[in-house]
């Protein structure tokens, strides 16, 4: 019995045991095309050797540092790349952990910078 509250209460999802490229495999080795992968998986695939090597290099040095207190060379390099290649005058990058946090941050900031409004509407 699972103690996880799954997204559907009517059925238990298939147990994924491994993934490679665009496929997720169950415990019996049956492949499923991952058409619902997460953001990075959608464009990078599962277990690409170059991506895994880059992840291991970073994890061996620093797995995580909270952005309220720290920055890192990798974060600064990514921000430099993003702002250098971004259109217009997008000169700063603000890193968050996911889409909800990005929307929650971007919405009030967009309203504050919209000069056609006198206050957040």
PDB file of N, CA and C in Angstrom:
ATOM      1  N   UNK A   1       0.836  -1.177   0.000  1.00  0.00           N
ATOM      2  CA  UNK A   1       0.000   0.000   0.000  1.00  0.00           C
ATOM      3  C   UNK A   1       0.884   1.245   0.000  1.00  0.00           C
ATOM      4  N   UNK A   2       0.555   2.180  -0.838  1.00  0.00           N
ATOM      5  CA  UNK A   2       1.310   3.424  -0.922  1.00  0.00           C
ATOM      6  C   UNK A   2       0.785   4.425   0.106  1.00  0.00           C
ATOM      7  N   UNK A   3       1.697   5.160   0.705  1.00  0.00           N
ATOM      8  CA  UNK A   3       1.342   6.224   1.635  1.00  0.00           C
ATOM      9  C   UNK A   3       1.448   7.586   0.959  1.00  0.00           C
ATOM     10  N   UNK A   4       1.589   7.567  -0.366  1.00  0.00           N
ATOM     11  CA  UNK A   4       1.672   8.793  -1.153  1.00  0.00           C
ATOM     12  C   UNK A   4       0.281   9.163  -1.646  1.00  0.00           C
ATOM     13  N   UNK A   5      -0.071  10.422  -1.552  1.00  0.00           N
ATOM     14  CA  UNK A   5      -1.314  10.890  -2.155  1.00  0.00           C
ATOM     15  C   UNK A   5      -0.965  11.245  -3.601  1.00  0.00           C
ATOM     16  N   UNK A   6      -1.358  10.365  -4.511  1.00  0.00           N
ATOM     17  CA  UNK A   6      -1.048  10.578  -5.924  1.00  0.00           C
ATOM     18  C   UNK A   6      -2.038  11.560  -6.535  1.00  0.00           C
ATOM     19  N   UNK A   7      -1.705  12.083  -7.692  1.00  0.00           N
ATOM     20  CA  UNK A   7      -2.548  13.090  -8.347  1.00  0.00           C
ATOM     21  C   UNK A   7      -3.926  12.550  -8.686  1.00  0.00           C
ATOM     22  N   UNK A   8      -4.013  11.262  -8.978  1.00  0.00           N
ATOM     23  CA  UNK A   8      -5.317  10.648  -9.192  1.00  0.00           C
ATOM     24  C   UNK A   8      -5.585   9.714  -8.024  1.00  0.00           C
ATOM     25  N   UNK A   9      -6.718   9.885  -7.392  1.00  0.00           N
ATOM     26  CA  UNK A   9      -7.072   9.010  -6.272  1.00  0.00           C
ATOM     27  C   UNK A   9      -7.760   7.735  -6.749  1.00  0.00           C
ATOM     28  N   UNK A  10      -8.028   7.649  -8.038  1.00  0.00           N
ATOM     29  CA  UNK A  10      -8.735   6.494  -8.600  1.00  0.00           C
ATOM     30  C   UNK A  10      -7.798   5.356  -9.005  1.00  0.00           C
ATOM     31  N   UNK A  11      -6.524   5.659  -9.196  1.00  0.00           N
ATOM     32  CA  UNK A  11      -5.585   4.622  -9.611  1.00  0.00           C
ATOM     33  C   UNK A  11      -4.196   4.931  -9.087  1.00  0.00           C
ATOM     34  N   UNK A  12      -3.388   3.893  -8.988  1.00  0.00           N
ATOM     35  CA  UNK A  12      -2.001   4.048  -8.574  1.00  0.00           C
ATOM     36  C   UNK A  12      -1.153   4.135  -9.835  1.00  0.00           C
ATOM     37  N   UNK A  13      -0.278   5.108  -9.922  1.00  0.00           N
ATOM     38  CA  UNK A  13       0.523   5.238 -11.142  1.00  0.00           C
ATOM     39  C   UNK A  13       1.529   4.097 -11.301  1.00  0.00           C
ATOM     40  N   UNK A  14       2.021   3.947 -12.502  1.00  0.00           N
ATOM     41  CA  UNK A  14       3.045   2.956 -12.813  1.00  0.00           C
ATOM     42  C   UNK A  14       4.312   3.338 -12.052  1.00  0.00           C
ATOM     43  N   UNK A  15       5.001   2.353 -11.522  1.00  0.00           N
ATOM     44  CA  UNK A  15       6.240   2.610 -10.804  1.00  0.00           C
ATOM     45  C   UNK A  15       7.383   2.708 -11.815  1.00  0.00           C
ATOM     46  N   UNK A  16       7.978   3.875 -11.891  1.00  0.00           N
ATOM     47  CA  UNK A  16       9.112   4.083 -12.787  1.00  0.00           C
ATOM     48  C   UNK A  16      10.373   3.579 -12.093  1.00  0.00           C
ATOM     49  N   UNK A  17      11.188   2.814 -12.818  1.00  0.00           N
ATOM     50  CA  UNK A  17      12.400   2.283 -12.202  1.00  0.00           C
ATOM     51  C   UNK A  17      13.677   2.874 -12.792  1.00  0.00           C
ATOM     52  N   UNK A  18      13.616   3.339 -14.053  1.00  0.00           N
ATOM     53  CA  UNK A  18      14.779   3.979 -14.654  1.00  0.00           C
ATOM     54  C   UNK A  18      14.316   4.774 -15.864  1.00  0.00           C
ATOM     55  N   UNK A  19      15.223   5.575 -16.417  1.00  0.00           N
ATOM     56  CA  UNK A  19      14.891   6.367 -17.595  1.00  0.00           C
ATOM     57  C   UNK A  19      16.132   6.524 -18.454  1.00  0.00           C
ATOM     58  N   UNK A  20      15.915   6.641 -19.760  1.00  0.00           N
ATOM     59  CA  UNK A  20      17.004   6.860 -20.705  1.00  0.00           C
ATOM     60  C   UNK A  20      16.444   7.592 -21.908  1.00  0.00           C
ATOM     61  N   UNK A  21      17.076   8.702 -22.272  1.00  0.00           N
ATOM     62  CA  UNK A  21      16.611   9.459 -23.431  1.00  0.00           C
ATOM     63  C   UNK A  21      15.205   9.964 -23.212  1.00  0.00           C
ATOM     64  N   UNK A  22      14.307   9.627 -24.122  1.00  0.00           N
ATOM     65  CA  UNK A  22      12.919  10.087 -24.035  1.00  0.00           C
ATOM     66  C   UNK A  22      11.996   9.059 -23.386  1.00  0.00           C
ATOM     67  N   UNK A  23      12.557   8.003 -22.788  1.00  0.00           N
ATOM     68  CA  UNK A  23      11.731   6.922 -22.255  1.00  0.00           C
ATOM     69  C   UNK A  23      11.934   6.708 -20.768  1.00  0.00           C
ATOM     70  N   UNK A  24      10.828   6.343 -20.110  1.00  0.00           N
ATOM     71  CA  UNK A  24      10.836   5.878 -18.726  1.00  0.00           C
ATOM     72  C   UNK A  24      10.468   4.406 -18.775  1.00  0.00           C
ATOM     73  N   UNK A  25      11.128   3.603 -17.945  1.00  0.00           N
ATOM     74  CA  UNK A  25      10.900   2.158 -17.941  1.00  0.00           C
ATOM     75  C   UNK A  25      10.333   1.727 -16.597  1.00  0.00           C
ATOM     76  N   UNK A  26       9.373   0.781 -16.641  1.00  0.00           N
ATOM     77  CA  UNK A  26       8.850   0.232 -15.395  1.00  0.00           C
ATOM     78  C   UNK A  26       9.764  -0.902 -14.928  1.00  0.00           C
ATOM     79  N   UNK A  27       9.422  -1.529 -13.802  1.00  0.00           N
ATOM     80  CA  UNK A  27      10.260  -2.566 -13.209  1.00  0.00           C
ATOM     81  C   UNK A  27      10.427  -3.782 -14.120  1.00  0.00           C
ATOM     82  N   UNK A  28       9.487  -4.010 -15.031  1.00  0.00           N
ATOM     83  CA  UNK A  28       9.577  -5.126 -15.959  1.00  0.00           C
ATOM     84  C   UNK A  28      10.326  -4.748 -17.239  1.00  0.00           C
ATOM     85  N   UNK A  29      10.776  -3.509 -17.324  1.00  0.00           N
ATOM     86  CA  UNK A  29      11.524  -3.058 -18.489  1.00  0.00           C
ATOM     87  C   UNK A  29      10.667  -2.502 -19.616  1.00  0.00           C
ATOM     88  N   UNK A  30       9.362  -2.383 -19.395  1.00  0.00           N
ATOM     89  CA  UNK A  30       8.482  -1.838 -20.441  1.00  0.00           C
ATOM     90  C   UNK A  30       8.746  -0.344 -20.594  1.00  0.00           C
ATOM     91  N   UNK A  31       9.017   0.099 -21.840  1.00  0.00           N
ATOM     92  CA  UNK A  31       9.286   1.530 -22.048  1.00  0.00           C
ATOM     93  C   UNK A  31       8.003   2.333 -22.230  1.00  0.00           C
ATOM     94  N   UNK A  32       8.031   3.561 -21.720  1.00  0.00           N
ATOM     95  CA  UNK A  32       6.938   4.520 -21.898  1.00  0.00           C
ATOM     96  C   UNK A  32       7.556   5.809 -22.431  1.00  0.00           C
ATOM     97  N   UNK A  33       7.021   6.328 -23.524  1.00  0.00           N
ATOM     98  CA  UNK A  33       7.501   7.598 -24.043  1.00  0.00           C
ATOM     99  C   UNK A  33       7.159   8.685 -23.028  1.00  0.00           C
ATOM    100  N   UNK A  34       8.162   9.394 -22.543  1.00  0.00           N
ATOM    101  CA  UNK A  34       7.938  10.431 -21.530  1.00  0.00           C
ATOM    102  C   UNK A  34       7.508  11.720 -22.215  1.00  0.00           C
ATOM    103  N   UNK A  35       6.219  11.822 -22.433  1.00  0.00           N
ATOM    104  CA  UNK A  35       5.649  13.013 -23.062  1.00  0.00           C
ATOM    105  C   UNK A  35       5.208  14.025 -22.004  1.00  0.00           C
ATOM    106  N   UNK A  36       5.501  13.751 -20.739  1.00  0.00           N
ATOM    107  CA  UNK A  36       5.089  14.667 -19.669  1.00  0.00           C
ATOM    108  C   UNK A  36       6.241  14.951 -18.726  1.00  0.00           C
ATOM    109  N   UNK A  37       7.454  14.887 -19.207  1.00  0.00           N
ATOM    110  CA  UNK A  37       8.618  15.099 -18.367  1.00  0.00           C
ATOM    111  C   UNK A  37       8.700  16.505 -17.823  1.00  0.00           C
ATOM    112  N   UNK A  38       9.556  16.684 -16.838  1.00  0.00           N
ATOM    113  CA  UNK A  38       9.763  17.996 -16.250  1.00  0.00           C
ATOM    114  C   UNK A  38      10.441  18.939 -17.230  1.00  0.00           C
ATOM    115  N   UNK A  39      10.619  20.166 -16.824  1.00  0.00           N
ATOM    116  CA  UNK A  39      11.133  21.190 -17.724  1.00  0.00           C
ATOM    117  C   UNK A  39      12.473  20.814 -18.347  1.00  0.00           C
ATOM    118  N   UNK A  40      13.433  20.404 -17.552  1.00  0.00           N
ATOM    119  CA  UNK A  40      14.742  20.064 -18.108  1.00  0.00           C
ATOM    120  C   UNK A  40      14.683  18.775 -18.917  1.00  0.00           C
ATOM    121  N   UNK A  41      13.894  17.835 -18.469  1.00  0.00           N
ATOM    122  CA  UNK A  41      13.788  16.562 -19.177  1.00  0.00           C
ATOM    123  C   UNK A  41      13.177  16.763 -20.558  1.00  0.00           C
ATOM    124  N   UNK A  42      12.246  17.699 -20.662  1.00  0.00           N
ATOM    125  CA  UNK A  42      11.584  17.929 -21.939  1.00  0.00           C
ATOM    126  C   UNK A  42      12.569  18.291 -23.045  1.00  0.00           C
ATOM    127  N   UNK A  43      13.605  19.034 -22.717  1.00  0.00           N
ATOM    128  CA  UNK A  43      14.541  19.449 -23.753  1.00  0.00           C
ATOM    129  C   UNK A  43      15.857  18.689 -23.717  1.00  0.00           C
ATOM    130  N   UNK A  44      16.189  18.039 -22.624  1.00  0.00           N
ATOM    131  CA  UNK A  44      17.470  17.363 -22.501  1.00  0.00           C
ATOM    132  C   UNK A  44      17.366  15.847 -22.536  1.00  0.00           C
ATOM    133  N   UNK A  45      16.211  15.289 -22.222  1.00  0.00           N
ATOM    134  CA  UNK A  45      16.076  13.843 -22.139  1.00  0.00           C
ATOM    135  C   UNK A  45      16.595  13.330 -20.809  1.00  0.00           C
ATOM    136  N   UNK A  46      16.428  12.040 -20.606  1.00  0.00           N
ATOM    137  CA  UNK A  46      16.882  11.397 -19.369  1.00  0.00           C
ATOM    138  C   UNK A  46      18.273  10.820 -19.557  1.00  0.00           C
ATOM    139  N   UNK A  47      19.120  11.006 -18.568  1.00  0.00           N
ATOM    140  CA  UNK A  47      20.413  10.325 -18.454  1.00  0.00           C
ATOM    141  C   UNK A  47      21.362  10.562 -19.628  1.00  0.00           C
ATOM    142  N   UNK A  48      21.329  11.751 -20.224  1.00  0.00           N
ATOM    143  CA  UNK A  48      22.291  12.040 -21.288  1.00  0.00           C
ATOM    144  C   UNK A  48      23.683  12.111 -20.652  1.00  0.00           C
ATOM    145  N   UNK A  49      24.677  11.398 -21.208  1.00  0.00           N
ATOM    146  CA  UNK A  49      25.989  11.327 -20.555  1.00  0.00           C
ATOM    147  C   UNK A  49      26.663  12.686 -20.347  1.00  0.00           C
ATOM    148  N   UNK A  50      26.518  13.618 -21.282  1.00  0.00           N
ATOM    149  CA  UNK A  50      27.127  14.944 -21.106  1.00  0.00           C
ATOM    150  C   UNK A  50      26.469  15.719 -19.974  1.00  0.00           C
ATOM    151  N   UNK A  51      25.135  15.602 -19.868  1.00  0.00           N
ATOM    152  CA  UNK A  51      24.410  16.282 -18.796  1.00  0.00           C
ATOM    153  C   UNK A  51      24.774  15.665 -17.450  1.00  0.00           C
ATOM    154  N   UNK A  52      24.818  14.340 -17.383  1.00  0.00           N
ATOM    155  CA  UNK A  52      25.192  13.669 -16.131  1.00  0.00           C
ATOM    156  C   UNK A  52      26.607  14.041 -15.706  1.00  0.00           C
ATOM    157  N   UNK A  53      27.542  14.109 -16.652  1.00  0.00           N
ATOM    158  CA  UNK A  53      28.921  14.475 -16.326  1.00  0.00           C
ATOM    159  C   UNK A  53      28.983  15.897 -15.773  1.00  0.00           C
ATOM    160  N   UNK A  54      28.250  16.814 -16.386  1.00  0.00           N
ATOM    161  CA  UNK A  54      28.228  18.200 -15.895  1.00  0.00           C
ATOM    162  C   UNK A  54      27.612  18.264 -14.498  1.00  0.00           C
ATOM    163  N   UNK A  55      26.543  17.500 -14.288  1.00  0.00           N
ATOM    164  CA  UNK A  55      25.910  17.476 -12.967  1.00  0.00           C
ATOM    165  C   UNK A  55      26.872  16.930 -11.917  1.00  0.00           C
ATOM    166  N   UNK A  56      27.569  15.862 -12.245  1.00  0.00           N
ATOM    167  CA  UNK A  56      28.515  15.275 -11.292  1.00  0.00           C
ATOM    168  C   UNK A  56      29.662  16.239 -10.970  1.00  0.00           C
ATOM    169  N   UNK A  57      30.178  16.934 -12.001  1.00  0.00           N
ATOM    170  CA  UNK A  57      31.243  17.905 -11.747  1.00  0.00           C
ATOM    171  C   UNK A  57      30.778  18.969 -10.756  1.00  0.00           C
ATOM    172  N   UNK A  58      29.543  19.461 -10.943  1.00  0.00           N
ATOM    173  CA  UNK A  58      29.035  20.498 -10.050  1.00  0.00           C
ATOM    174  C   UNK A  58      28.759  19.951  -8.659  1.00  0.00           C
ATOM    175  N   UNK A  59      28.125  18.793  -8.579  1.00  0.00           N
ATOM    176  CA  UNK A  59      27.795  18.207  -7.273  1.00  0.00           C
ATOM    177  C   UNK A  59      29.051  17.899  -6.469  1.00  0.00           C
ATOM    178  N   UNK A  60      30.116  17.469  -7.159  1.00  0.00           N
ATOM    179  CA  UNK A  60      31.369  17.186  -6.459  1.00  0.00           C
ATOM    180  C   UNK A  60      31.966  18.442  -5.839  1.00  0.00           C
ATOM    181  N   UNK A  61      31.659  19.610  -6.392  1.00  0.00           N
ATOM    182  CA  UNK A  61      32.171  20.872  -5.844  1.00  0.00           C
ATOM    183  C   UNK A  61      31.198  21.517  -4.872  1.00  0.00           C
ATOM    184  N   UNK A  62      29.933  21.642  -5.298  1.00  0.00           N
ATOM    185  CA  UNK A  62      28.925  22.331  -4.491  1.00  0.00           C
ATOM    186  C   UNK A  62      27.545  21.900  -4.979  1.00  0.00           C
ATOM    187  N   UNK A  63      26.823  21.194  -4.141  1.00  0.00           N
ATOM    188  CA  UNK A  63      25.506  20.713  -4.538  1.00  0.00           C
ATOM    189  C   UNK A  63      24.443  21.805  -4.428  1.00  0.00           C
ATOM    190  N   UNK A  64      24.532  22.632  -3.393  1.00  0.00           N
ATOM    191  CA  UNK A  64      23.491  23.642  -3.174  1.00  0.00           C
ATOM    192  C   UNK A  64      24.007  24.713  -2.236  1.00  0.00           C
ATOM    193  N   UNK A  65      23.653  25.938  -2.517  1.00  0.00           N
ATOM    194  CA  UNK A  65      23.917  27.055  -1.614  1.00  0.00           C
ATOM    195  C   UNK A  65      22.727  28.001  -1.743  1.00  0.00           C
ATOM    196  N   UNK A  66      22.054  28.280  -0.653  1.00  0.00           N
ATOM    197  CA  UNK A  66      20.846  29.103  -0.684  1.00  0.00           C
ATOM    198  C   UNK A  66      21.171  30.495  -1.214  1.00  0.00           C
ATOM    199  N   UNK A  67      20.377  30.933  -2.193  1.00  0.00           N
ATOM    200  CA  UNK A  67      20.646  32.200  -2.868  1.00  0.00           C
ATOM    201  C   UNK A  67      20.386  33.432  -2.000  1.00  0.00           C
ATOM    202  N   UNK A  68      19.782  33.251  -0.846  1.00  0.00           N
ATOM    203  CA  UNK A  68      19.632  34.384   0.072  1.00  0.00           C
ATOM    204  C   UNK A  68      20.960  34.751   0.725  1.00  0.00           C
ATOM    205  N   UNK A  69      21.890  33.787   0.744  1.00  0.00           N
ATOM    206  CA  UNK A  69      23.139  33.998   1.464  1.00  0.00           C
ATOM    207  C   UNK A  69      24.397  33.855   0.604  1.00  0.00           C
ATOM    208  N   UNK A  70      24.286  33.127  -0.522  1.00  0.00           N
ATOM    209  CA  UNK A  70      25.470  32.820  -1.313  1.00  0.00           C
ATOM    210  C   UNK A  70      25.215  32.970  -2.803  1.00  0.00           C
ATOM    211  N   UNK A  71      26.286  33.176  -3.549  1.00  0.00           N
ATOM    212  CA  UNK A  71      26.291  33.014  -4.991  1.00  0.00           C
ATOM    213  C   UNK A  71      27.427  32.047  -5.297  1.00  0.00           C
ATOM    214  N   UNK A  72      27.621  31.699  -6.558  1.00  0.00           N
ATOM    215  CA  UNK A  72      28.719  30.805  -6.932  1.00  0.00           C
ATOM    216  C   UNK A  72      29.195  31.190  -8.320  1.00  0.00           C
ATOM    217  N   UNK A  73      30.357  30.694  -8.688  1.00  0.00           N
ATOM    218  CA  UNK A  73      30.884  30.985 -10.018  1.00  0.00           C
ATOM    219  C   UNK A  73      29.922  30.517 -11.112  1.00  0.00           C
ATOM    220  N   UNK A  74      29.327  29.352 -10.918  1.00  0.00           N
ATOM    221  CA  UNK A  74      28.414  28.805 -11.923  1.00  0.00           C
ATOM    222  C   UNK A  74      27.175  29.685 -12.077  1.00  0.00           C
ATOM    223  N   UNK A  75      26.635  30.153 -10.973  1.00  0.00           N
ATOM    224  CA  UNK A  75      25.468  31.044 -11.020  1.00  0.00           C
ATOM    225  C   UNK A  75      25.827  32.333 -11.744  1.00  0.00           C
ATOM    226  N   UNK A  76      26.974  32.898 -11.416  1.00  0.00           N
ATOM    227  CA  UNK A  76      27.402  34.139 -12.050  1.00  0.00           C
ATOM    228  C   UNK A  76      27.652  33.951 -13.547  1.00  0.00           C
ATOM    229  N   UNK A  77      28.240  32.822 -13.927  1.00  0.00           N
ATOM    230  CA  UNK A  77      28.484  32.533 -15.344  1.00  0.00           C
ATOM    231  C   UNK A  77      27.165  32.386 -16.106  1.00  0.00           C
ATOM    232  N   UNK A  78      26.196  31.703 -15.493  1.00  0.00           N
ATOM    233  CA  UNK A  78      24.893  31.545 -16.148  1.00  0.00           C
ATOM    234  C   UNK A  78      24.208  32.898 -16.299  1.00  0.00           C
ATOM    235  N   UNK A  79      24.234  33.716 -15.275  1.00  0.00           N
ATOM    236  CA  UNK A  79      23.619  35.048 -15.357  1.00  0.00           C
ATOM    237  C   UNK A  79      24.299  35.890 -16.434  1.00  0.00           C
ATOM    238  N   UNK A  80      25.618  35.814 -16.512  1.00  0.00           N
ATOM    239  CA  UNK A  80      26.336  36.544 -17.559  1.00  0.00           C
ATOM    240  C   UNK A  80      25.881  36.095 -18.943  1.00  0.00           C
ATOM    241  N   UNK A  81      25.784  34.782 -19.131  1.00  0.00           N
ATOM    242  CA  UNK A  81      25.360  34.244 -20.433  1.00  0.00           C
ATOM    243  C   UNK A  81      23.929  34.681 -20.768  1.00  0.00           C
ATOM    244  N   UNK A  82      23.027  34.551 -19.801  1.00  0.00           N
ATOM    245  CA  UNK A  82      21.626  34.906 -20.046  1.00  0.00           C
ATOM    246  C   UNK A  82      21.466  36.378 -20.384  1.00  0.00           C
ATOM    247  N   UNK A  83      22.117  37.238 -19.626  1.00  0.00           N
ATOM    248  CA  UNK A  83      21.953  38.676 -19.877  1.00  0.00           C
ATOM    249  C   UNK A  83      22.671  39.113 -21.154  1.00  0.00           C
ATOM    250  N   UNK A  84      23.747  38.439 -21.498  1.00  0.00           N
ATOM    251  CA  UNK A  84      24.472  38.769 -22.736  1.00  0.00           C
ATOM    252  C   UNK A  84      23.652  38.383 -23.966  1.00  0.00           C
ATOM    253  N   UNK A  85      22.872  37.314 -23.876  1.00  0.00           N
ATOM    254  CA  UNK A  85      22.116  36.818 -25.033  1.00  0.00           C
ATOM    255  C   UNK A  85      20.641  37.207 -25.003  1.00  0.00           C
ATOM    256  N   UNK A  86      20.197  37.866 -23.928  1.00  0.00           N
ATOM    257  CA  UNK A  86      18.793  38.262 -23.806  1.00  0.00           C
ATOM    258  C   UNK A  86      18.499  39.467 -24.695  1.00  0.00           C
ATOM    259  N   UNK A  87      17.254  39.580 -25.135  1.00  0.00           N
ATOM    260  CA  UNK A  87      16.892  40.739 -25.956  1.00  0.00           C
ATOM    261  C   UNK A  87      16.757  42.011 -25.113  1.00  0.00           C
ATOM    262  N   UNK A  88      16.901  43.133 -25.774  1.00  0.00           N
ATOM    263  CA  UNK A  88      16.644  44.417 -25.121  1.00  0.00           C
ATOM    264  C   UNK A  88      17.583  44.701 -23.976  1.00  0.00           C
ATOM    265  N   UNK A  89      17.024  45.288 -22.953  1.00  0.00           N
ATOM    266  CA  UNK A  89      17.816  45.706 -21.799  1.00  0.00           C
ATOM    267  C   UNK A  89      17.590  44.801 -20.597  1.00  0.00           C
ATOM    268  N   UNK A  90      17.519  43.508 -20.832  1.00  0.00           N
ATOM    269  CA  UNK A  90      17.378  42.554 -19.733  1.00  0.00           C
ATOM    270  C   UNK A  90      18.779  42.269 -19.194  1.00  0.00           C
ATOM    271  N   UNK A  91      19.163  43.028 -18.169  1.00  0.00           N
ATOM    272  CA  UNK A  91      20.537  43.010 -17.690  1.00  0.00           C
ATOM    273  C   UNK A  91      20.743  42.247 -16.387  1.00  0.00           C
ATOM    274  N   UNK A  92      19.689  41.636 -15.876  1.00  0.00           N
ATOM    275  CA  UNK A  92      19.801  40.918 -14.610  1.00  0.00           C
ATOM    276  C   UNK A  92      19.051  39.598 -14.704  1.00  0.00           C
ATOM    277  N   UNK A  93      19.499  38.629 -13.906  1.00  0.00           N
ATOM    278  CA  UNK A  93      18.827  37.328 -13.822  1.00  0.00           C
ATOM    279  C   UNK A  93      18.461  37.078 -12.362  1.00  0.00           C
ATOM    280  N   UNK A  94      17.275  36.546 -12.147  1.00  0.00           N
ATOM    281  CA  UNK A  94      16.817  36.224 -10.795  1.00  0.00           C
ATOM    282  C   UNK A  94      16.463  34.749 -10.802  1.00  0.00           C
ATOM    283  N   UNK A  95      17.198  33.940 -10.059  1.00  0.00           N
ATOM    284  CA  UNK A  95      17.020  32.496 -10.087  1.00  0.00           C
ATOM    285  C   UNK A  95      16.116  32.034  -8.950  1.00  0.00           C
ATOM    286  N   UNK A  96      15.149  31.212  -9.292  1.00  0.00           N
ATOM    287  CA  UNK A  96      14.222  30.639  -8.325  1.00  0.00           C
ATOM    288  C   UNK A  96      14.137  29.137  -8.557  1.00  0.00           C
ATOM    289  N   UNK A  97      13.388  28.445  -7.716  1.00  0.00           N
ATOM    290  CA  UNK A  97      13.380  26.987  -7.770  1.00  0.00           C
ATOM    291  C   UNK A  97      12.317  26.391  -8.685  1.00  0.00           C
ATOM    292  N   UNK A  98      11.376  27.171  -9.151  1.00  0.00           N
ATOM    293  CA  UNK A  98      10.360  26.580 -10.010  1.00  0.00           C
ATOM    294  C   UNK A  98       9.425  27.611 -10.609  1.00  0.00           C
ATOM    295  N   UNK A  99       8.491  27.126 -11.406  1.00  0.00           N
ATOM    296  CA  UNK A  99       7.574  27.987 -12.135  1.00  0.00           C
ATOM    297  C   UNK A  99       6.668  28.820 -11.257  1.00  0.00           C
ATOM    298  N   UNK A 100       6.130  28.229 -10.203  1.00  0.00           N
ATOM    299  CA  UNK A 100       5.232  28.981  -9.317  1.00  0.00           C
ATOM    300  C   UNK A 100       5.957  30.151  -8.676  1.00  0.00           C
ATOM    301  N   UNK A 101       7.159  29.885  -8.194  1.00  0.00           N
ATOM    302  CA  UNK A 101       7.931  30.955  -7.564  1.00  0.00           C
ATOM    303  C   UNK A 101       8.302  32.022  -8.590  1.00  0.00           C
ATOM    304  N   UNK A 102       8.580  31.613  -9.808  1.00  0.00           N
ATOM    305  CA  UNK A 102       8.911  32.582 -10.863  1.00  0.00           C
ATOM    306  C   UNK A 102       7.723  33.492 -11.156  1.00  0.00           C
ATOM    307  N   UNK A 103       6.533  32.910 -11.274  1.00  0.00           N
ATOM    308  CA  UNK A 103       5.331  33.707 -11.552  1.00  0.00           C
ATOM    309  C   UNK A 103       5.018  34.622 -10.378  1.00  0.00           C
ATOM    310  N   UNK A 104       5.127  34.085  -9.154  1.00  0.00           N
ATOM    311  CA  UNK A 104       4.841  34.891  -7.964  1.00  0.00           C
ATOM    312  C   UNK A 104       5.788  36.086  -7.847  1.00  0.00           C
ATOM    313  N   UNK A 105       6.999  35.943  -8.336  1.00  0.00           N
ATOM    314  CA  UNK A 105       7.977  37.028  -8.296  1.00  0.00           C
ATOM    315  C   UNK A 105       7.803  37.973  -9.470  1.00  0.00           C
ATOM    316  N   UNK A 106       7.574  37.415 -10.648  1.00  0.00           N
ATOM    317  CA  UNK A 106       7.528  38.227 -11.868  1.00  0.00           C
ATOM    318  C   UNK A 106       6.283  39.109 -11.942  1.00  0.00           C
ATOM    319  N   UNK A 107       5.153  38.615 -11.488  1.00  0.00           N
ATOM    320  CA  UNK A 107       3.902  39.361 -11.640  1.00  0.00           C
ATOM    321  C   UNK A 107       3.938  40.722 -10.952  1.00  0.00           C
ATOM    322  N   UNK A 108       4.233  40.800  -9.664  1.00  0.00           N
ATOM    323  CA  UNK A 108       4.268  42.136  -9.044  1.00  0.00           C
ATOM    324  C   UNK A 108       5.372  43.015  -9.614  1.00  0.00           C
ATOM    325  N   UNK A 109       6.510  42.409  -9.981  1.00  0.00           N
ATOM    326  CA  UNK A 109       7.595  43.214 -10.557  1.00  0.00           C
ATOM    327  C   UNK A 109       7.191  43.774 -11.915  1.00  0.00           C
ATOM    328  N   UNK A 110       6.483  42.990 -12.707  1.00  0.00           N
ATOM    329  CA  UNK A 110       6.015  43.484 -14.009  1.00  0.00           C
ATOM    330  C   UNK A 110       5.023  44.624 -13.810  1.00  0.00           C
ATOM    331  N   UNK A 111       4.152  44.485 -12.837  1.00  0.00           N
ATOM    332  CA  UNK A 111       3.176  45.551 -12.572  1.00  0.00           C
ATOM    333  C   UNK A 111       3.866  46.823 -12.079  1.00  0.00           C
ATOM    334  N   UNK A 112       4.903  46.678 -11.273  1.00  0.00           N
ATOM    335  CA  UNK A 112       5.632  47.850 -10.769  1.00  0.00           C
ATOM    336  C   UNK A 112       6.340  48.588 -11.882  1.00  0.00           C
ATOM    337  N   UNK A 113       6.809  47.869 -12.886  1.00  0.00           N
ATOM    338  CA  UNK A 113       7.576  48.502 -13.959  1.00  0.00           C
ATOM    339  C   UNK A 113       6.707  48.921 -15.133  1.00  0.00           C
ATOM    340  N   UNK A 114       5.436  48.588 -15.098  1.00  0.00           N
ATOM    341  CA  UNK A 114       4.517  49.007 -16.167  1.00  0.00           C
ATOM    342  C   UNK A 114       4.197  50.475 -15.938  1.00  0.00           C
ATOM    343  N   UNK A 115       4.779  51.336 -16.711  1.00  0.00           N
ATOM    344  CA  UNK A 115       4.620  52.788 -16.518  1.00  0.00           C
ATOM    345  C   UNK A 115       3.249  53.294 -16.902  1.00  0.00           C
ATOM    346  N   UNK A 116       2.445  52.458 -17.570  1.00  0.00           N
ATOM    347  CA  UNK A 116       1.107  52.909 -17.934  1.00  0.00           C
ATOM    348  C   UNK A 116       0.117  52.782 -16.787  1.00  0.00           C
ATOM    349  N   UNK A 117       0.537  52.157 -15.679  1.00  0.00           N
ATOM    350  CA  UNK A 117      -0.338  51.986 -14.508  1.00  0.00           C
ATOM    351  C   UNK A 117       0.186  52.825 -13.359  1.00  0.00           C
ATOM    352  N   UNK A 118      -0.728  53.343 -12.565  1.00  0.00           N
ATOM    353  CA  UNK A 118      -0.305  54.132 -11.413  1.00  0.00           C
ATOM    354  C   UNK A 118      -0.098  53.259 -10.178  1.00  0.00           C
ATOM    355  N   UNK A 119      -0.743  52.097 -10.153  1.00  0.00           N
ATOM    356  CA  UNK A 119      -0.591  51.169  -9.031  1.00  0.00           C
ATOM    357  C   UNK A 119      -0.926  49.766  -9.539  1.00  0.00           C
ATOM    358  N   UNK A 120      -0.629  48.782  -8.714  1.00  0.00           N
ATOM    359  CA  UNK A 120      -0.947  47.411  -9.116  1.00  0.00           C
ATOM    360  C   UNK A 120      -2.454  47.270  -9.249  1.00  0.00           C
ATOM    361  N   UNK A 121      -2.903  46.803 -10.397  1.00  0.00           N
ATOM    362  CA  UNK A 121      -4.347  46.665 -10.631  1.00  0.00           C
ATOM    363  C   UNK A 121      -4.742  45.217 -10.630  1.00  0.00           C
TER     364      UNK A 121
END
